[in-house]
Amino acid sequence: MSGIRLPLAATAPAAALTWFCCVRPMTRNRACHAEPDTGLQTELRAAHEELRRLRDETTLPTDPTSRPETLDR
């Protein structure tokens, strides 16, 4: 029975701290940050567009023997 007391004693303050610092403000519609960063959103959209463009440009080899040689050790 005494082996369970220490983990419970450590878990209870961690759960309380998480509730008061993170969960409670979010339930009251107050996020940890004031408003979203529009510059970051623009950069993310550009990065997603570039990734999609690069994937569209890349073609896989049709011949399975044209792959680089792998050495088994």
PDB file of N, CA and C in Angstrom:
ATOM      1  N   MET A   1       0.807  -1.190   0.000  1.00  0.00           N
ATOM      2  CA  MET A   1       0.000   0.000   0.000  1.00  0.00           C
ATOM      3  C   MET A   1       0.857   1.263   0.000  1.00  0.00           C
ATOM      4  N   SER A   2       2.003   1.206   0.648  1.00  0.00           N
ATOM      5  CA  SER A   2       2.846   2.403   0.717  1.00  0.00           C
ATOM      6  C   SER A   2       3.540   2.668  -0.620  1.00  0.00           C
ATOM      7  N   GLY A   3       3.618   1.674  -1.486  1.00  0.00           N
ATOM      8  CA  GLY A   3       4.249   1.864  -2.782  1.00  0.00           C
ATOM      9  C   GLY A   3       3.423   2.707  -3.733  1.00  0.00           C
ATOM     10  N   ILE A   4       2.165   2.859  -3.474  1.00  0.00           N
ATOM     11  CA  ILE A   4       1.291   3.626  -4.349  1.00  0.00           C
ATOM     12  C   ILE A   4       1.148   5.073  -3.871  1.00  0.00           C
ATOM     13  N   ARG A   5       1.509   5.354  -2.653  1.00  0.00           N
ATOM     14  CA  ARG A   5       1.339   6.703  -2.102  1.00  0.00           C
ATOM     15  C   ARG A   5       2.229   7.731  -2.785  1.00  0.00           C
ATOM     16  N   LEU A   6       3.478   7.406  -3.044  1.00  0.00           N
ATOM     17  CA  LEU A   6       4.401   8.363  -3.670  1.00  0.00           C
ATOM     18  C   LEU A   6       3.973   8.726  -5.094  1.00  0.00           C
ATOM     19  N   PRO A   7       3.624   7.763  -5.951  1.00  0.00           N
ATOM     20  CA  PRO A   7       3.141   8.160  -7.284  1.00  0.00           C
ATOM     21  C   PRO A   7       1.862   8.990  -7.241  1.00  0.00           C
ATOM     22  N   LEU A   8       0.955   8.667  -6.345  1.00  0.00           N
ATOM     23  CA  LEU A   8      -0.260   9.463  -6.216  1.00  0.00           C
ATOM     24  C   LEU A   8       0.042  10.861  -5.695  1.00  0.00           C
ATOM     25  N   ALA A   9       0.982  10.950  -4.778  1.00  0.00           N
ATOM     26  CA  ALA A   9       1.368  12.256  -4.232  1.00  0.00           C
ATOM     27  C   ALA A   9       2.038  13.115  -5.296  1.00  0.00           C
ATOM     28  N   ALA A  10       2.710  12.521  -6.247  1.00  0.00           N
ATOM     29  CA  ALA A  10       3.346  13.292  -7.328  1.00  0.00           C
ATOM     30  C   ALA A  10       2.347  13.608  -8.444  1.00  0.00           C
ATOM     31  N   THR A  11       1.390  12.741  -8.672  1.00  0.00           N
ATOM     32  CA  THR A  11       0.429  12.932  -9.748  1.00  0.00           C
ATOM     33  C   THR A  11      -0.606  14.002  -9.411  1.00  0.00           C
ATOM     34  N   ALA A  12      -1.033  14.061  -8.196  1.00  0.00           N
ATOM     35  CA  ALA A  12      -2.073  15.018  -7.810  1.00  0.00           C
ATOM     36  C   ALA A  12      -1.649  16.471  -8.039  1.00  0.00           C
ATOM     37  N   PRO A  13      -0.467  16.919  -7.585  1.00  0.00           N
ATOM     38  CA  PRO A  13      -0.084  18.311  -7.874  1.00  0.00           C
ATOM     39  C   PRO A  13       0.125  18.572  -9.369  1.00  0.00           C
ATOM     40  N   ALA A  14       0.615  17.583 -10.089  1.00  0.00           N
ATOM     41  CA  ALA A  14       0.809  17.770 -11.529  1.00  0.00           C
ATOM     42  C   ALA A  14      -0.533  17.946 -12.229  1.00  0.00           C
ATOM     43  N   ALA A  15      -1.522  17.167 -11.843  1.00  0.00           N
ATOM     44  CA  ALA A  15      -2.850  17.297 -12.435  1.00  0.00           C
ATOM     45  C   ALA A  15      -3.474  18.638 -12.067  1.00  0.00           C
ATOM     46  N   ALA A  16      -3.312  19.071 -10.828  1.00  0.00           N
ATOM     47  CA  ALA A  16      -3.858  20.363 -10.401  1.00  0.00           C
ATOM     48  C   ALA A  16      -3.192  21.515 -11.142  1.00  0.00           C
ATOM     49  N   LEU A  17      -1.895  21.459 -11.293  1.00  0.00           N
ATOM     50  CA  LEU A  17      -1.172  22.510 -12.008  1.00  0.00           C
ATOM     51  C   LEU A  17      -1.591  22.560 -13.471  1.00  0.00           C
ATOM     52  N   THR A  18      -1.763  21.398 -14.091  1.00  0.00           N
ATOM     53  CA  THR A  18      -2.227  21.351 -15.475  1.00  0.00           C
ATOM     54  C   THR A  18      -3.621  21.943 -15.599  1.00  0.00           C
ATOM     55  N   TRP A  19      -4.484  21.633 -14.653  1.00  0.00           N
ATOM     56  CA  TRP A  19      -5.848  22.171 -14.691  1.00  0.00           C
ATOM     57  C   TRP A  19      -5.845  23.687 -14.590  1.00  0.00           C
ATOM     58  N   PHE A  20      -5.141  24.237 -13.608  1.00  0.00           N
ATOM     59  CA  PHE A  20      -5.187  25.675 -13.372  1.00  0.00           C
ATOM     60  C   PHE A  20      -4.435  26.476 -14.433  1.00  0.00           C
ATOM     61  N   CYS A  21      -3.372  25.919 -15.000  1.00  0.00           N
ATOM     62  CA  CYS A  21      -2.563  26.678 -15.970  1.00  0.00           C
ATOM     63  C   CYS A  21      -3.009  26.479 -17.419  1.00  0.00           C
ATOM     64  N   CYS A  22      -3.581  25.336 -17.745  1.00  0.00           N
ATOM     65  CA  CYS A  22      -3.882  25.041 -19.152  1.00  0.00           C
ATOM     66  C   CYS A  22      -5.367  24.833 -19.428  1.00  0.00           C
ATOM     67  N   VAL A  23      -5.984  23.919 -18.732  1.00  0.00           N
ATOM     68  CA  VAL A  23      -7.345  23.528 -19.058  1.00  0.00           C
ATOM     69  C   VAL A  23      -8.344  24.614 -18.680  1.00  0.00           C
ATOM     70  N   ARG A  24      -8.240  25.151 -17.484  1.00  0.00           N
ATOM     71  CA  ARG A  24      -9.204  26.156 -17.021  1.00  0.00           C
ATOM     72  C   ARG A  24      -9.234  27.393 -17.906  1.00  0.00           C
ATOM     73  N   PRO A  25      -8.076  27.970 -18.302  1.00  0.00           N
ATOM     74  CA  PRO A  25      -8.148  29.127 -19.207  1.00  0.00           C
ATOM     75  C   PRO A  25      -8.777  28.798 -20.559  1.00  0.00           C
ATOM     76  N   MET A  26      -8.544  27.594 -21.071  1.00  0.00           N
ATOM     77  CA  MET A  26      -9.122  27.237 -22.361  1.00  0.00           C
ATOM     78  C   MET A  26     -10.626  27.031 -22.275  1.00  0.00           C
ATOM     79  N   THR A  27     -11.131  26.560 -21.144  1.00  0.00           N
ATOM     80  CA  THR A  27     -12.571  26.375 -21.009  1.00  0.00           C
ATOM     81  C   THR A  27     -13.291  27.711 -20.872  1.00  0.00           C
ATOM     82  N   ARG A  28     -12.592  28.731 -20.499  1.00  0.00           N
ATOM     83  CA  ARG A  28     -13.178  30.065 -20.383  1.00  0.00           C
ATOM     84  C   ARG A  28     -12.924  30.902 -21.634  1.00  0.00           C
ATOM     85  N   ASN A  29     -12.585  30.248 -22.729  1.00  0.00           N
ATOM     86  CA  ASN A  29     -12.300  30.907 -24.014  1.00  0.00           C
ATOM     87  C   ASN A  29     -11.150  31.894 -23.921  1.00  0.00           C
ATOM     88  N   ARG A  30     -10.205  31.615 -23.065  1.00  0.00           N
ATOM     89  CA  ARG A  30      -8.999  32.422 -22.986  1.00  0.00           C
ATOM     90  C   ARG A  30      -7.817  31.511 -23.277  1.00  0.00           C
ATOM     91  N   ALA A  31      -7.284  31.617 -24.434  1.00  0.00           N
ATOM     92  CA  ALA A  31      -6.152  30.775 -24.796  1.00  0.00           C
ATOM     93  C   ALA A  31      -4.884  31.330 -24.162  1.00  0.00           C
ATOM     94  N   CYS A  32      -3.814  30.577 -24.237  1.00  0.00           N
ATOM     95  CA  CYS A  32      -2.545  31.012 -23.666  1.00  0.00           C
ATOM     96  C   CYS A  32      -1.924  32.140 -24.483  1.00  0.00           C
ATOM     97  N   HIS A  33      -2.311  32.298 -25.731  1.00  0.00           N
ATOM     98  CA  HIS A  33      -1.798  33.376 -26.572  1.00  0.00           C
ATOM     99  C   HIS A  33      -2.967  34.254 -27.001  1.00  0.00           C
ATOM    100  N   ALA A  34      -2.677  35.482 -27.325  1.00  0.00           N
ATOM    101  CA  ALA A  34      -3.736  36.457 -27.589  1.00  0.00           C
ATOM    102  C   ALA A  34      -4.450  36.186 -28.906  1.00  0.00           C
ATOM    103  N   GLU A  35      -3.731  36.169 -30.010  1.00  0.00           N
ATOM    104  CA  GLU A  35      -4.351  35.949 -31.307  1.00  0.00           C
ATOM    105  C   GLU A  35      -3.378  35.208 -32.212  1.00  0.00           C
ATOM    106  N   PRO A  36      -3.858  34.509 -33.207  1.00  0.00           N
ATOM    107  CA  PRO A  36      -2.961  33.735 -34.066  1.00  0.00           C
ATOM    108  C   PRO A  36      -2.046  34.637 -34.876  1.00  0.00           C
ATOM    109  N   ASP A  37      -0.863  34.143 -35.101  1.00  0.00           N
ATOM    110  CA  ASP A  37       0.143  34.878 -35.865  1.00  0.00           C
ATOM    111  C   ASP A  37      -0.136  34.690 -37.353  1.00  0.00           C
ATOM    112  N   THR A  38      -0.553  35.758 -38.032  1.00  0.00           N
ATOM    113  CA  THR A  38      -0.898  35.645 -39.448  1.00  0.00           C
ATOM    114  C   THR A  38       0.337  35.421 -40.309  1.00  0.00           C
ATOM    115  N   GLY A  39       1.475  35.931 -39.879  1.00  0.00           N
ATOM    116  CA  GLY A  39       2.709  35.704 -40.632  1.00  0.00           C
ATOM    117  C   GLY A  39       3.084  34.238 -40.651  1.00  0.00           C
ATOM    118  N   LEU A  40       2.906  33.587 -39.526  1.00  0.00           N
ATOM    119  CA  LEU A  40       3.198  32.157 -39.438  1.00  0.00           C
ATOM    120  C   LEU A  40       2.242  31.368 -40.318  1.00  0.00           C
ATOM    121  N   GLN A  41       0.971  31.734 -40.308  1.00  0.00           N
ATOM    122  CA  GLN A  41      -0.007  31.042 -41.146  1.00  0.00           C
ATOM    123  C   GLN A  41       0.324  31.196 -42.621  1.00  0.00           C
ATOM    124  N   THR A  42       0.785  32.380 -43.017  1.00  0.00           N
ATOM    125  CA  THR A  42       1.170  32.609 -44.409  1.00  0.00           C
ATOM    126  C   THR A  42       2.365  31.748 -44.789  1.00  0.00           C
ATOM    127  N   GLU A  43       3.357  31.669 -43.902  1.00  0.00           N
ATOM    128  CA  GLU A  43       4.534  30.836 -44.173  1.00  0.00           C
ATOM    129  C   GLU A  43       4.158  29.365 -44.255  1.00  0.00           C
ATOM    130  N   LEU A  44       3.266  28.918 -43.382  1.00  0.00           N
ATOM    131  CA  LEU A  44       2.838  27.522 -43.433  1.00  0.00           C
ATOM    132  C   LEU A  44       2.110  27.210 -44.730  1.00  0.00           C
ATOM    133  N   ARG A  45       1.230  28.116 -45.174  1.00  0.00           N
ATOM    134  CA  ARG A  45       0.528  27.905 -46.442  1.00  0.00           C
ATOM    135  C   ARG A  45       1.512  27.832 -47.604  1.00  0.00           C
ATOM    136  N   ALA A  46       2.525  28.706 -47.600  1.00  0.00           N
ATOM    137  CA  ALA A  46       3.524  28.697 -48.671  1.00  0.00           C
ATOM    138  C   ALA A  46       4.333  27.409 -48.647  1.00  0.00           C
ATOM    139  N   ALA A  47       4.683  26.936 -47.452  1.00  0.00           N
ATOM    140  CA  ALA A  47       5.450  25.697 -47.347  1.00  0.00           C
ATOM    141  C   ALA A  47       4.628  24.502 -47.823  1.00  0.00           C
ATOM    142  N   HIS A  48       3.341  24.466 -47.477  1.00  0.00           N
ATOM    143  CA  HIS A  48       2.474  23.378 -47.945  1.00  0.00           C
ATOM    144  C   HIS A  48       2.328  23.414 -49.469  1.00  0.00           C
ATOM    145  N   GLU A  49       2.212  24.598 -50.019  1.00  0.00           N
ATOM    146  CA  GLU A  49       2.102  24.735 -51.476  1.00  0.00           C
ATOM    147  C   GLU A  49       3.385  24.256 -52.163  1.00  0.00           C
ATOM    148  N   GLU A  50       4.537  24.640 -51.614  1.00  0.00           N
ATOM    149  CA  GLU A  50       5.808  24.218 -52.199  1.00  0.00           C
ATOM    150  C   GLU A  50       5.967  22.708 -52.101  1.00  0.00           C
ATOM    151  N   LEU A  51       5.587  22.124 -50.977  1.00  0.00           N
ATOM    152  CA  LEU A  51       5.676  20.678 -50.813  1.00  0.00           C
ATOM    153  C   LEU A  51       4.781  19.965 -51.816  1.00  0.00           C
ATOM    154  N   ARG A  52       3.576  20.464 -52.011  1.00  0.00           N
ATOM    155  CA  ARG A  52       2.671  19.852 -52.980  1.00  0.00           C
ATOM    156  C   ARG A  52       3.230  19.966 -54.393  1.00  0.00           C
ATOM    157  N   ARG A  53       3.820  21.135 -54.716  1.00  0.00           N
ATOM    158  CA  ARG A  53       4.408  21.334 -56.041  1.00  0.00           C
ATOM    159  C   ARG A  53       5.586  20.389 -56.254  1.00  0.00           C
ATOM    160  N   LEU A  54       6.441  20.225 -55.243  1.00  0.00           N
ATOM    161  CA  LEU A  54       7.584  19.327 -55.367  1.00  0.00           C
ATOM    162  C   LEU A  54       7.144  17.874 -55.519  1.00  0.00           C
ATOM    163  N   ARG A  55       6.104  17.486 -54.802  1.00  0.00           N
ATOM    164  CA  ARG A  55       5.611  16.109 -54.933  1.00  0.00           C
ATOM    165  C   ARG A  55       5.023  15.867 -56.313  1.00  0.00           C
ATOM    166  N   ASP A  56       4.373  16.891 -56.876  1.00  0.00           N
ATOM    167  CA  ASP A  56       3.805  16.748 -58.213  1.00  0.00           C
ATOM    168  C   ASP A  56       4.902  16.659 -59.270  1.00  0.00           C
ATOM    169  N   GLU A  57       6.016  17.354 -59.063  1.00  0.00           N
ATOM    170  CA  GLU A  57       7.106  17.340 -60.043  1.00  0.00           C
ATOM    171  C   GLU A  57       7.911  16.053 -59.992  1.00  0.00           C
ATOM    172  N   THR A  58       7.988  15.432 -58.847  1.00  0.00           N
ATOM    173  CA  THR A  58       8.802  14.238 -58.685  1.00  0.00           C
ATOM    174  C   THR A  58       8.058  13.032 -59.230  1.00  0.00           C
ATOM    175  N   THR A  59       8.751  12.265 -60.059  1.00  0.00           N
ATOM    176  CA  THR A  59       8.163  11.025 -60.575  1.00  0.00           C
ATOM    177  C   THR A  59       8.999   9.853 -60.096  1.00  0.00           C
ATOM    178  N   LEU A  60       8.349   8.788 -59.751  1.00  0.00           N
ATOM    179  CA  LEU A  60       9.044   7.597 -59.301  1.00  0.00           C
ATOM    180  C   LEU A  60       9.565   6.823 -60.501  1.00  0.00           C
ATOM    181  N   PRO A  61      10.704   6.135 -60.351  1.00  0.00           N
ATOM    182  CA  PRO A  61      11.219   5.341 -61.465  1.00  0.00           C
ATOM    183  C   PRO A  61      10.277   4.186 -61.793  1.00  0.00           C
ATOM    184  N   THR A  62      10.048   3.982 -63.082  1.00  0.00           N
ATOM    185  CA  THR A  62       9.160   2.894 -63.495  1.00  0.00           C
ATOM    186  C   THR A  62       9.892   1.557 -63.521  1.00  0.00           C
ATOM    187  N   ASP A  63      11.204   1.591 -63.741  1.00  0.00           N
ATOM    188  CA  ASP A  63      11.999   0.368 -63.777  1.00  0.00           C
ATOM    189  C   ASP A  63      12.570   0.109 -62.380  1.00  0.00           C
ATOM    190  N   PRO A  64      12.231  -1.016 -61.736  1.00  0.00           N
ATOM    191  CA  PRO A  64      12.728  -1.263 -60.375  1.00  0.00           C
ATOM    192  C   PRO A  64      14.235  -1.470 -60.314  1.00  0.00           C
ATOM    193  N   THR A  65      14.880  -1.750 -61.434  1.00  0.00           N
ATOM    194  CA  THR A  65      16.331  -1.961 -61.414  1.00  0.00           C
ATOM    195  C   THR A  65      17.102  -0.645 -61.508  1.00  0.00           C
ATOM    196  N   SER A  66      16.438   0.470 -61.693  1.00  0.00           N
ATOM    197  CA  SER A  66      17.147   1.738 -61.816  1.00  0.00           C
ATOM    198  C   SER A  66      17.391   2.406 -60.459  1.00  0.00           C
ATOM    199  N   ARG A  67      17.125   1.691 -59.402  1.00  0.00           N
ATOM    200  CA  ARG A  67      17.364   2.231 -58.064  1.00  0.00           C
ATOM    201  C   ARG A  67      18.843   2.154 -57.725  1.00  0.00           C
ATOM    202  N   PRO A  68      19.281   2.957 -56.756  1.00  0.00           N
ATOM    203  CA  PRO A  68      20.680   2.871 -56.339  1.00  0.00           C
ATOM    204  C   PRO A  68      20.970   1.502 -55.722  1.00  0.00           C
ATOM    205  N   GLU A  69      22.191   1.104 -55.870  1.00  0.00           N
ATOM    206  CA  GLU A  69      22.596  -0.205 -55.350  1.00  0.00           C
ATOM    207  C   GLU A  69      22.716  -0.139 -53.842  1.00  0.00           C
ATOM    208  N   THR A  70      22.212  -1.139 -53.147  1.00  0.00           N
ATOM    209  CA  THR A  70      22.365  -1.218 -51.708  1.00  0.00           C
ATOM    210  C   THR A  70      23.292  -2.371 -51.377  1.00  0.00           C
ATOM    211  N   LEU A  71      24.133  -2.128 -50.434  1.00  0.00           N
ATOM    212  CA  LEU A  71      25.093  -3.154 -50.038  1.00  0.00           C
ATOM    213  C   LEU A  71      24.629  -3.802 -48.739  1.00  0.00           C
ATOM    214  N   ASP A  72      24.555  -5.117 -48.749  1.00  0.00           N
ATOM    215  CA  ASP A  72      24.179  -5.839 -47.539  1.00  0.00           C
ATOM    216  C   ASP A  72      25.442  -6.099 -46.746  1.00  0.00           C
ATOM    217  N   ARG A  73      25.366  -5.840 -45.475  1.00  0.00           N
ATOM    218  CA  ARG A  73      26.540  -6.077 -44.613  1.00  0.00           C
ATOM    219  C   ARG A  73      26.256  -7.204 -43.668  1.00  0.00           C
TER     220      ARG A  73
END
